Amino acid sequence: MKIYDVLKGGFLVDEGAFKNWRIIVFVVFLLLFMITSSHNADRKVMEIASMNKEMKKLKSLYIDSGTYLTRMKMESSVREKLKERGLASPKTPPIKIKVTAKSN
C-alpha cells in the first residue's frame, strides 16, 4: 500500500507534506548543483585539451624557427648570401699591423 501511495503522489498532499517538500526541494537543488558542476568540469577538460593542442603547435613552431635560425647563422649560408650580393672571401690572408710607440 505504501508503494502505491508514493507512485500516486499521496505523500505530497497529506498532513506532513511540508517536511516532504523541503526534502524534495533540497534534493532538486543538489541535483541541479551537481549537473552544473559536471558541465563546468567538462568545459574545463575541453579547454585544457584545446590549450594542450595549441601548446604542441607552438612548441613545434619554436623548434622549426630555431632550426631555421641555426641554418642561417652557419658560415656556408652566410657565404652564399654574400656571394649573391657580390662579396667574396679574400684570396690572401689578412696582414697583421703592429704599431709601436717611440719613447721620447
PDB file of N, CA and C in Angstrom:
ATOM      1  N   MET A   1       0.815  -1.194   0.000  1.00  0.00           N
ATOM      2  CA  MET A   1       0.000   0.000   0.000  1.00  0.00           C
ATOM      3  C   MET A   1       0.866   1.269   0.000  1.00  0.00           C
ATOM      4  N   LYS A   2       2.017   1.230   0.670  1.00  0.00           N
ATOM      5  CA  LYS A   2       2.896   2.397   0.739  1.00  0.00           C
ATOM      6  C   LYS A   2       3.471   2.737  -0.635  1.00  0.00           C
ATOM      7  N   ILE A   3       3.878   1.742  -1.418  1.00  0.00           N
ATOM      8  CA  ILE A   3       4.451   1.991  -2.740  1.00  0.00           C
ATOM      9  C   ILE A   3       3.403   2.623  -3.641  1.00  0.00           C
ATOM     10  N   TYR A   4       2.195   2.191  -3.521  1.00  0.00           N
ATOM     11  CA  TYR A   4       1.108   2.755  -4.319  1.00  0.00           C
ATOM     12  C   TYR A   4       0.904   4.223  -3.972  1.00  0.00           C
ATOM     13  N   ASP A   5       1.010   4.581  -2.681  1.00  0.00           N
ATOM     14  CA  ASP A   5       0.862   5.983  -2.263  1.00  0.00           C
ATOM     15  C   ASP A   5       2.004   6.852  -2.816  1.00  0.00           C
ATOM     16  N   VAL A   6       3.205   6.276  -2.844  1.00  0.00           N
ATOM     17  CA  VAL A   6       4.344   7.028  -3.380  1.00  0.00           C
ATOM     18  C   VAL A   6       4.156   7.257  -4.872  1.00  0.00           C
ATOM     19  N   LEU A   7       3.744   6.206  -5.598  1.00  0.00           N
ATOM     20  CA  LEU A   7       3.533   6.354  -7.035  1.00  0.00           C
ATOM     21  C   LEU A   7       2.378   7.295  -7.345  1.00  0.00           C
ATOM     22  N   LYS A   8       1.378   7.261  -6.520  1.00  0.00           N
ATOM     23  CA  LYS A   8       0.205   8.125  -6.709  1.00  0.00           C
ATOM     24  C   LYS A   8       0.523   9.575  -6.334  1.00  0.00           C
ATOM     25  N   GLY A   9       1.532   9.781  -5.471  1.00  0.00           N
ATOM     26  CA  GLY A   9       1.910  11.128  -5.053  1.00  0.00           C
ATOM     27  C   GLY A   9       1.177  11.563  -3.812  1.00  0.00           C
ATOM     28  N   GLY A  10       0.616  10.627  -3.065  1.00  0.00           N
ATOM     29  CA  GLY A  10      -0.133  10.960  -1.864  1.00  0.00           C
ATOM     30  C   GLY A  10       0.718  11.573  -0.780  1.00  0.00           C
ATOM     31  N   PHE A  11       1.999  11.275  -0.759  1.00  0.00           N
ATOM     32  CA  PHE A  11       2.887  11.823   0.273  1.00  0.00           C
ATOM     33  C   PHE A  11       3.096  13.323   0.106  1.00  0.00           C
ATOM     34  N   LEU A  12       2.696  13.868  -1.045  1.00  0.00           N
ATOM     35  CA  LEU A  12       2.870  15.308  -1.277  1.00  0.00           C
ATOM     36  C   LEU A  12       1.690  16.139  -0.791  1.00  0.00           C
ATOM     37  N   VAL A  13       0.559  15.498  -0.540  1.00  0.00           N
ATOM     38  CA  VAL A  13      -0.643  16.268  -0.191  1.00  0.00           C
ATOM     39  C   VAL A  13      -1.209  15.933   1.182  1.00  0.00           C
ATOM     40  N   ASP A  14      -0.610  15.011   1.914  1.00  0.00           N
ATOM     41  CA  ASP A  14      -1.157  14.701   3.234  1.00  0.00           C
ATOM     42  C   ASP A  14      -0.665  15.701   4.277  1.00  0.00           C
ATOM     43  N   GLU A  15      -0.939  15.458   5.561  1.00  0.00           N
ATOM     44  CA  GLU A  15      -0.661  16.434   6.624  1.00  0.00           C
ATOM     45  C   GLU A  15       0.828  16.755   6.781  1.00  0.00           C
ATOM     46  N   GLY A  16       1.699  15.796   6.651  1.00  0.00           N
ATOM     47  CA  GLY A  16       3.136  16.012   6.836  1.00  0.00           C
ATOM     48  C   GLY A  16       3.847  16.357   5.536  1.00  0.00           C
ATOM     49  N   ALA A  17       3.125  16.890   4.571  1.00  0.00           N
ATOM     50  CA  ALA A  17       3.682  17.158   3.240  1.00  0.00           C
ATOM     51  C   ALA A  17       4.752  18.248   3.255  1.00  0.00           C
ATOM     52  N   PHE A  18       4.681  19.189   4.188  1.00  0.00           N
ATOM     53  CA  PHE A  18       5.663  20.281   4.217  1.00  0.00           C
ATOM     54  C   PHE A  18       7.073  19.739   4.419  1.00  0.00           C
ATOM     55  N   LYS A  19       7.231  18.736   5.305  1.00  0.00           N
ATOM     56  CA  LYS A  19       8.549  18.117   5.501  1.00  0.00           C
ATOM     57  C   LYS A  19       9.026  17.464   4.208  1.00  0.00           C
ATOM     58  N   ASN A  20       8.136  16.805   3.536  1.00  0.00           N
ATOM     59  CA  ASN A  20       8.489  16.131   2.282  1.00  0.00           C
ATOM     60  C   ASN A  20       8.897  17.146   1.207  1.00  0.00           C
ATOM     61  N   TRP A  21       8.199  18.254   1.120  1.00  0.00           N
ATOM     62  CA  TRP A  21       8.522  19.268   0.110  1.00  0.00           C
ATOM     63  C   TRP A  21       9.890  19.882   0.363  1.00  0.00           C
ATOM     64  N   ARG A  22      10.214  20.110   1.628  1.00  0.00           N
ATOM     65  CA  ARG A  22      11.539  20.665   1.930  1.00  0.00           C
ATOM     66  C   ARG A  22      12.641  19.720   1.468  1.00  0.00           C
ATOM     67  N   ILE A  23      12.470  18.438   1.734  1.00  0.00           N
ATOM     68  CA  ILE A  23      13.472  17.448   1.322  1.00  0.00           C
ATOM     69  C   ILE A  23      13.550  17.372  -0.195  1.00  0.00           C
ATOM     70  N   ILE A  24      12.389  17.385  -0.844  1.00  0.00           N
ATOM     71  CA  ILE A  24      12.368  17.303  -2.314  1.00  0.00           C
ATOM     72  C   ILE A  24      13.052  18.521  -2.932  1.00  0.00           C
ATOM     73  N   VAL A  25      12.782  19.698  -2.432  1.00  0.00           N
ATOM     74  CA  VAL A  25      13.408  20.915  -2.956  1.00  0.00           C
ATOM     75  C   VAL A  25      14.917  20.867  -2.713  1.00  0.00           C
ATOM     76  N   PHE A  26      15.332  20.384  -1.538  1.00  0.00           N
ATOM     77  CA  PHE A  26      16.749  20.266  -1.238  1.00  0.00           C
ATOM     78  C   PHE A  26      17.435  19.287  -2.189  1.00  0.00           C
ATOM     79  N   VAL A  27      16.814  18.143  -2.435  1.00  0.00           N
ATOM     80  CA  VAL A  27      17.384  17.145  -3.336  1.00  0.00           C
ATOM     81  C   VAL A  27      17.453  17.697  -4.761  1.00  0.00           C
ATOM     82  N   VAL A  28      16.400  18.402  -5.201  1.00  0.00           N
ATOM     83  CA  VAL A  28      16.411  19.001  -6.544  1.00  0.00           C
ATOM     84  C   VAL A  28      17.532  20.032  -6.644  1.00  0.00           C
ATOM     85  N   PHE A  29      17.718  20.844  -5.602  1.00  0.00           N
ATOM     86  CA  PHE A  29      18.808  21.822  -5.596  1.00  0.00           C
ATOM     87  C   PHE A  29      20.163  21.117  -5.712  1.00  0.00           C
ATOM     88  N   LEU A  30      20.358  20.048  -4.952  1.00  0.00           N
ATOM     89  CA  LEU A  30      21.615  19.299  -5.019  1.00  0.00           C
ATOM     90  C   LEU A  30      21.830  18.703  -6.409  1.00  0.00           C
ATOM     91  N   LEU A  31      20.770  18.193  -7.016  1.00  0.00           N
ATOM     92  CA  LEU A  31      20.886  17.628  -8.368  1.00  0.00           C
ATOM     93  C   LEU A  31      21.270  18.701  -9.384  1.00  0.00           C
ATOM     94  N   LEU A  32      20.645  19.873  -9.298  1.00  0.00           N
ATOM     95  CA  LEU A  32      20.978  20.964 -10.216  1.00  0.00           C
ATOM     96  C   LEU A  32      22.422  21.426 -10.014  1.00  0.00           C
ATOM     97  N   PHE A  33      22.848  21.486  -8.765  1.00  0.00           N
ATOM     98  CA  PHE A  33      24.220  21.873  -8.467  1.00  0.00           C
ATOM     99  C   PHE A  33      25.199  20.848  -9.033  1.00  0.00           C
ATOM    100  N   MET A  34      24.882  19.567  -8.889  1.00  0.00           N
ATOM    101  CA  MET A  34      25.746  18.506  -9.401  1.00  0.00           C
ATOM    102  C   MET A  34      25.827  18.557 -10.930  1.00  0.00           C
ATOM    103  N   ILE A  35      24.701  18.787 -11.586  1.00  0.00           N
ATOM    104  CA  ILE A  35      24.686  18.863 -13.049  1.00  0.00           C
ATOM    105  C   ILE A  35      25.506  20.061 -13.523  1.00  0.00           C
ATOM    106  N   THR A  36      25.343  21.188 -12.864  1.00  0.00           N
ATOM    107  CA  THR A  36      26.107  22.387 -13.230  1.00  0.00           C
ATOM    108  C   THR A  36      27.610  22.162 -13.037  1.00  0.00           C
ATOM    109  N   SER A  37      27.979  21.557 -11.933  1.00  0.00           N
ATOM    110  CA  SER A  37      29.393  21.280 -11.672  1.00  0.00           C
ATOM    111  C   SER A  37      29.966  20.330 -12.714  1.00  0.00           C
ATOM    112  N   SER A  38      29.181  19.346 -13.091  1.00  0.00           N
ATOM    113  CA  SER A  38      29.627  18.381 -14.108  1.00  0.00           C
ATOM    114  C   SER A  38      29.863  19.070 -15.450  1.00  0.00           C
ATOM    115  N   HIS A  39      28.951  19.944 -15.838  1.00  0.00           N
ATOM    116  CA  HIS A  39      29.113  20.666 -17.108  1.00  0.00           C
ATOM    117  C   HIS A  39      30.326  21.586 -17.059  1.00  0.00           C
ATOM    118  N   ASN A  40      30.538  22.249 -15.932  1.00  0.00           N
ATOM    119  CA  ASN A  40      31.720  23.122 -15.802  1.00  0.00           C
ATOM    120  C   ASN A  40      33.006  22.309 -15.893  1.00  0.00           C
ATOM    121  N   ALA A  41      33.021  21.150 -15.251  1.00  0.00           N
ATOM    122  CA  ALA A  41      34.220  20.300 -15.313  1.00  0.00           C
ATOM    123  C   ALA A  41      34.471  19.825 -16.740  1.00  0.00           C
ATOM    124  N   ASP A  42      33.418  19.438 -17.455  1.00  0.00           N
ATOM    125  CA  ASP A  42      33.577  19.007 -18.849  1.00  0.00           C
ATOM    126  C   ASP A  42      34.113  20.136 -19.715  1.00  0.00           C
ATOM    127  N   ARG A  43      33.597  21.347 -19.494  1.00  0.00           N
ATOM    128  CA  ARG A  43      34.053  22.504 -20.273  1.00  0.00           C
ATOM    129  C   ARG A  43      35.535  22.776 -20.013  1.00  0.00           C
ATOM    130  N   LYS A  44      35.955  22.655 -18.759  1.00  0.00           N
ATOM    131  CA  LYS A  44      37.359  22.892 -18.438  1.00  0.00           C
ATOM    132  C   LYS A  44      38.252  21.818 -19.043  1.00  0.00           C
ATOM    133  N   VAL A  45      37.793  20.569 -19.054  1.00  0.00           N
ATOM    134  CA  VAL A  45      38.573  19.493 -19.667  1.00  0.00           C
ATOM    135  C   VAL A  45      38.755  19.761 -21.155  1.00  0.00           C
ATOM    136  N   MET A  46      37.685  20.200 -21.819  1.00  0.00           N
ATOM    137  CA  MET A  46      37.777  20.516 -23.254  1.00  0.00           C
ATOM    138  C   MET A  46      38.724  21.695 -23.476  1.00  0.00           C
ATOM    139  N   GLU A  47      38.667  22.682 -22.615  1.00  0.00           N
ATOM    140  CA  GLU A  47      39.542  23.854 -22.740  1.00  0.00           C
ATOM    141  C   GLU A  47      41.004  23.453 -22.535  1.00  0.00           C
ATOM    142  N   ILE A  48      41.265  22.591 -21.580  1.00  0.00           N
ATOM    143  CA  ILE A  48      42.632  22.125 -21.332  1.00  0.00           C
ATOM    144  C   ILE A  48      43.151  21.342 -22.535  1.00  0.00           C
ATOM    145  N   ALA A  49      42.294  20.493 -23.117  1.00  0.00           N
ATOM    146  CA  ALA A  49      42.708  19.728 -24.302  1.00  0.00           C
ATOM    147  C   ALA A  49      43.037  20.670 -25.457  1.00  0.00           C
ATOM    148  N   SER A  50      42.219  21.704 -25.626  1.00  0.00           N
ATOM    149  CA  SER A  50      42.464  22.678 -26.691  1.00  0.00           C
ATOM    150  C   SER A  50      43.781  23.422 -26.457  1.00  0.00           C
ATOM    151  N   MET A  51      44.039  23.801 -25.214  1.00  0.00           N
ATOM    152  CA  MET A  51      45.283  24.510 -24.907  1.00  0.00           C
ATOM    153  C   MET A  51      46.492  23.607 -25.088  1.00  0.00           C
ATOM    154  N   ASN A  52      46.378  22.331 -24.742  1.00  0.00           N
ATOM    155  CA  ASN A  52      47.488  21.400 -24.957  1.00  0.00           C
ATOM    156  C   ASN A  52      47.795  21.251 -26.437  1.00  0.00           C
ATOM    157  N   LYS A  53      46.744  21.205 -27.254  1.00  0.00           N
ATOM    158  CA  LYS A  53      46.941  21.092 -28.700  1.00  0.00           C
ATOM    159  C   LYS A  53      47.647  22.344 -29.228  1.00  0.00           C
ATOM    160  N   GLU A  54      47.212  23.513 -28.774  1.00  0.00           N
ATOM    161  CA  GLU A  54      47.834  24.772 -29.201  1.00  0.00           C
ATOM    162  C   GLU A  54      49.285  24.850 -28.721  1.00  0.00           C
ATOM    163  N   MET A  55      49.545  24.361 -27.491  1.00  0.00           N
ATOM    164  CA  MET A  55      50.899  24.373 -26.960  1.00  0.00           C
ATOM    165  C   MET A  55      51.817  23.491 -27.803  1.00  0.00           C
ATOM    166  N   LYS A  56      51.330  22.342 -28.255  1.00  0.00           N
ATOM    167  CA  LYS A  56      52.140  21.468 -29.101  1.00  0.00           C
ATOM    168  C   LYS A  56      52.467  22.144 -30.426  1.00  0.00           C
ATOM    169  N   LYS A  57      51.480  22.853 -30.998  1.00  0.00           N
ATOM    170  CA  LYS A  57      51.724  23.570 -32.255  1.00  0.00           C
ATOM    171  C   LYS A  57      52.775  24.657 -32.062  1.00  0.00           C
ATOM    172  N   LEU A  58      52.655  25.420 -30.977  1.00  0.00           N
ATOM    173  CA  LEU A  58      53.612  26.495 -30.722  1.00  0.00           C
ATOM    174  C   LEU A  58      55.006  25.952 -30.439  1.00  0.00           C
ATOM    175  N   LYS A  59      55.080  24.829 -29.740  1.00  0.00           N
ATOM    176  CA  LYS A  59      56.381  24.216 -29.470  1.00  0.00           C
ATOM    177  C   LYS A  59      57.031  23.757 -30.769  1.00  0.00           C
ATOM    178  N   SER A  60      56.241  23.187 -31.655  1.00  0.00           N
ATOM    179  CA  SER A  60      56.760  22.760 -32.957  1.00  0.00           C
ATOM    180  C   SER A  60      57.245  23.964 -33.757  1.00  0.00           C
ATOM    181  N   LEU A  61      56.488  25.043 -33.744  1.00  0.00           N
ATOM    182  CA  LEU A  61      56.892  26.267 -34.444  1.00  0.00           C
ATOM    183  C   LEU A  61      58.189  26.819 -33.858  1.00  0.00           C
ATOM    184  N   TYR A  62      58.325  26.780 -32.544  1.00  0.00           N
ATOM    185  CA  TYR A  62      59.544  27.253 -31.877  1.00  0.00           C
ATOM    186  C   TYR A  62      60.749  26.431 -32.318  1.00  0.00           C
ATOM    187  N   ILE A  63      60.600  25.123 -32.359  1.00  0.00           N
ATOM    188  CA  ILE A  63      61.715  24.256 -32.760  1.00  0.00           C
ATOM    189  C   ILE A  63      62.072  24.498 -34.223  1.00  0.00           C
ATOM    190  N   ASP A  64      61.051  24.627 -35.091  1.00  0.00           N
ATOM    191  CA  ASP A  64      61.316  24.890 -36.509  1.00  0.00           C
ATOM    192  C   ASP A  64      62.028  26.223 -36.698  1.00  0.00           C
ATOM    193  N   SER A  65      61.597  27.239 -35.961  1.00  0.00           N
ATOM    194  CA  SER A  65      62.240  28.558 -36.068  1.00  0.00           C
ATOM    195  C   SER A  65      63.683  28.504 -35.590  1.00  0.00           C
ATOM    196  N   GLY A  66      63.944  27.774 -34.512  1.00  0.00           N
ATOM    197  CA  GLY A  66      65.310  27.639 -34.010  1.00  0.00           C
ATOM    198  C   GLY A  66      66.204  26.931 -35.010  1.00  0.00           C
ATOM    199  N   THR A  67      65.663  25.900 -35.658  1.00  0.00           N
ATOM    200  CA  THR A  67      66.434  25.175 -36.672  1.00  0.00           C
ATOM    201  C   THR A  67      66.750  26.087 -37.851  1.00  0.00           C
ATOM    202  N   TYR A  68      65.753  26.846 -38.299  1.00  0.00           N
ATOM    203  CA  TYR A  68      65.952  27.773 -39.422  1.00  0.00           C
ATOM    204  C   TYR A  68      67.004  28.823 -39.068  1.00  0.00           C
ATOM    205  N   LEU A  69      66.931  29.359 -37.855  1.00  0.00           N
ATOM    206  CA  LEU A  69      67.891  30.374 -37.421  1.00  0.00           C
ATOM    207  C   LEU A  69      69.302  29.792 -37.351  1.00  0.00           C
ATOM    208  N   THR A  70      69.430  28.572 -36.865  1.00  0.00           N
ATOM    209  CA  THR A  70      70.739  27.926 -36.789  1.00  0.00           C
ATOM    210  C   THR A  70      71.329  27.741 -38.180  1.00  0.00           C
ATOM    211  N   ARG A  71      70.492  27.352 -39.134  1.00  0.00           N
ATOM    212  CA  ARG A  71      70.973  27.187 -40.505  1.00  0.00           C
ATOM    213  C   ARG A  71      71.397  28.518 -41.114  1.00  0.00           C
ATOM    214  N   MET A  72      70.668  29.578 -40.799  1.00  0.00           N
ATOM    215  CA  MET A  72      71.015  30.901 -41.334  1.00  0.00           C
ATOM    216  C   MET A  72      72.351  31.395 -40.777  1.00  0.00           C
ATOM    217  N   LYS A  73      72.699  31.024 -39.563  1.00  0.00           N
ATOM    218  CA  LYS A  73      73.932  31.503 -38.938  1.00  0.00           C
ATOM    219  C   LYS A  73      75.149  30.691 -39.346  1.00  0.00           C
ATOM    220  N   MET A  74      74.968  29.587 -40.038  1.00  0.00           N
ATOM    221  CA  MET A  74      76.113  28.769 -40.453  1.00  0.00           C
ATOM    222  C   MET A  74      76.974  29.553 -41.440  1.00  0.00           C
ATOM    223  N   GLU A  75      78.278  29.328 -41.379  1.00  0.00           N
ATOM    224  CA  GLU A  75      79.217  30.064 -42.222  1.00  0.00           C
ATOM    225  C   GLU A  75      78.934  29.854 -43.704  1.00  0.00           C
ATOM    226  N   SER A  76      78.579  28.639 -44.086  1.00  0.00           N
ATOM    227  CA  SER A  76      78.312  28.372 -45.505  1.00  0.00           C
ATOM    228  C   SER A  76      77.095  29.164 -45.990  1.00  0.00           C
ATOM    229  N   SER A  77      76.075  29.302 -45.151  1.00  0.00           N
ATOM    230  CA  SER A  77      74.902  30.084 -45.547  1.00  0.00           C
ATOM    231  C   SER A  77      75.250  31.555 -45.685  1.00  0.00           C
ATOM    232  N   VAL A  78      76.066  32.050 -44.769  1.00  0.00           N
ATOM    233  CA  VAL A  78      76.466  33.458 -44.821  1.00  0.00           C
ATOM    234  C   VAL A  78      77.286  33.716 -46.083  1.00  0.00           C
ATOM    235  N   ARG A  79      78.188  32.794 -46.431  1.00  0.00           N
ATOM    236  CA  ARG A  79      78.993  32.963 -47.648  1.00  0.00           C
ATOM    237  C   ARG A  79      78.114  33.003 -48.899  1.00  0.00           C
ATOM    238  N   GLU A  80      77.127  32.125 -48.960  1.00  0.00           N
ATOM    239  CA  GLU A  80      76.235  32.111 -50.130  1.00  0.00           C
ATOM    240  C   GLU A  80      75.460  33.421 -50.246  1.00  0.00           C
ATOM    241  N   LYS A  81      74.983  33.938 -49.112  1.00  0.00           N
ATOM    242  CA  LYS A  81      74.247  35.209 -49.133  1.00  0.00           C
ATOM    243  C   LYS A  81      75.155  36.356 -49.570  1.00  0.00           C
ATOM    244  N   LEU A  82      76.405  36.339 -49.126  1.00  0.00           N
ATOM    245  CA  LEU A  82      77.335  37.396 -49.510  1.00  0.00           C
ATOM    246  C   LEU A  82      77.709  37.295 -50.986  1.00  0.00           C
ATOM    247  N   LYS A  83      77.812  36.079 -51.510  1.00  0.00           N
ATOM    248  CA  LYS A  83      78.104  35.920 -52.938  1.00  0.00           C
ATOM    249  C   LYS A  83      76.978  36.499 -53.784  1.00  0.00           C
ATOM    250  N   GLU A  84      75.748  36.349 -53.324  1.00  0.00           N
ATOM    251  CA  GLU A  84      74.601  36.912 -54.054  1.00  0.00           C
ATOM    252  C   GLU A  84      74.697  38.435 -54.116  1.00  0.00           C
ATOM    253  N   ARG A  85      75.292  39.039 -53.108  1.00  0.00           N
ATOM    254  CA  ARG A  85      75.435  40.496 -53.068  1.00  0.00           C
ATOM    255  C   ARG A  85      76.743  40.972 -53.700  1.00  0.00           C
ATOM    256  N   GLY A  86      77.549  40.041 -54.158  1.00  0.00           N
ATOM    257  CA  GLY A  86      78.778  40.423 -54.847  1.00  0.00           C
ATOM    258  C   GLY A  86      79.991  40.465 -53.954  1.00  0.00           C
ATOM    259  N   LEU A  87      79.917  40.014 -52.747  1.00  0.00           N
ATOM    260  CA  LEU A  87      81.068  39.990 -51.854  1.00  0.00           C
ATOM    261  C   LEU A  87      81.635  38.569 -51.818  1.00  0.00           C
ATOM    262  N   ALA A  88      82.948  38.475 -51.688  1.00  0.00           N
ATOM    263  CA  ALA A  88      83.589  37.160 -51.648  1.00  0.00           C
ATOM    264  C   ALA A  88      84.684  37.178 -50.589  1.00  0.00           C
ATOM    265  N   SER A  89      85.138  36.019 -50.234  1.00  0.00           N
ATOM    266  CA  SER A  89      86.229  35.895 -49.265  1.00  0.00           C
ATOM    267  C   SER A  89      87.522  36.362 -49.923  1.00  0.00           C
ATOM    268  N   PRO A  90      88.409  37.017 -49.204  1.00  0.00           N
ATOM    269  CA  PRO A  90      89.671  37.464 -49.802  1.00  0.00           C
ATOM    270  C   PRO A  90      90.559  36.249 -50.113  1.00  0.00           C
ATOM    271  N   LYS A  91      91.358  36.395 -51.177  1.00  0.00           N
ATOM    272  CA  LYS A  91      92.255  35.303 -51.592  1.00  0.00           C
ATOM    273  C   LYS A  91      93.507  35.255 -50.720  1.00  0.00           C
ATOM    274  N   THR A  92      93.950  36.427 -50.233  1.00  0.00           N
ATOM    275  CA  THR A  92      95.151  36.481 -49.400  1.00  0.00           C
ATOM    276  C   THR A  92      94.727  36.619 -47.931  1.00  0.00           C
ATOM    277  N   PRO A  93      95.503  36.059 -47.052  1.00  0.00           N
ATOM    278  CA  PRO A  93      95.150  36.173 -45.634  1.00  0.00           C
ATOM    279  C   PRO A  93      95.355  37.606 -45.146  1.00  0.00           C
ATOM    280  N   PRO A  94      94.724  37.974 -44.106  1.00  0.00           N
ATOM    281  CA  PRO A  94      94.868  39.346 -43.586  1.00  0.00           C
ATOM    282  C   PRO A  94      96.282  39.580 -43.051  1.00  0.00           C
ATOM    283  N   ILE A  95      96.701  40.833 -43.111  1.00  0.00           N
ATOM    284  CA  ILE A  95      98.036  41.215 -42.640  1.00  0.00           C
ATOM    285  C   ILE A  95      97.879  41.873 -41.278  1.00  0.00           C
ATOM    286  N   LYS A  96      98.723  41.453 -40.363  1.00  0.00           N
ATOM    287  CA  LYS A  96      98.673  41.999 -39.023  1.00  0.00           C
ATOM    288  C   LYS A  96      99.517  43.278 -38.984  1.00  0.00           C
ATOM    289  N   ILE A  97      98.941  44.341 -38.495  1.00  0.00           N
ATOM    290  CA  ILE A  97      99.655  45.630 -38.422  1.00  0.00           C
ATOM    291  C   ILE A  97     100.039  45.861 -36.989  1.00  0.00           C
ATOM    292  N   LYS A  98     101.329  46.111 -36.772  1.00  0.00           N
ATOM    293  CA  LYS A  98     101.821  46.391 -35.425  1.00  0.00           C
ATOM    294  C   LYS A  98     102.174  47.865 -35.342  1.00  0.00           C
ATOM    295  N   VAL A  99     101.728  48.486 -34.308  1.00  0.00           N
ATOM    296  CA  VAL A  99     102.047  49.887 -34.068  1.00  0.00           C
ATOM    297  C   VAL A  99     102.927  49.947 -32.835  1.00  0.00           C
ATOM    298  N   THR A 100     104.091  50.545 -33.004  1.00  0.00           N
ATOM    299  CA  THR A 100     104.991  50.686 -31.862  1.00  0.00           C
ATOM    300  C   THR A 100     105.125  52.185 -31.554  1.00  0.00           C
ATOM    301  N   ALA A 101     105.062  52.458 -30.328  1.00  0.00           N
ATOM    302  CA  ALA A 101     105.172  53.862 -29.905  1.00  0.00           C
ATOM    303  C   ALA A 101     106.624  54.144 -29.529  1.00  0.00           C
ATOM    304  N   LYS A 102     107.158  55.259 -30.028  1.00  0.00           N
ATOM    305  CA  LYS A 102     108.522  55.648 -29.693  1.00  0.00           C
ATOM    306  C   LYS A 102     108.511  56.405 -28.381  1.00  0.00           C
ATOM    307  N   SER A 103     109.448  56.103 -27.555  1.00  0.00           N
ATOM    308  CA  SER A 103     109.531  56.819 -26.286  1.00  0.00           C
ATOM    309  C   SER A 103     110.440  58.037 -26.455  1.00  0.00           C
ATOM    310  N   ASN A 104     110.131  59.122 -25.877  1.00  0.00           N
ATOM    311  CA  ASN A 104     110.917  60.355 -26.001  1.00  0.00           C
ATOM    312  C   ASN A 104     111.993  60.438 -25.025  1.00  0.00           C
TER     313      ASN A 104
END
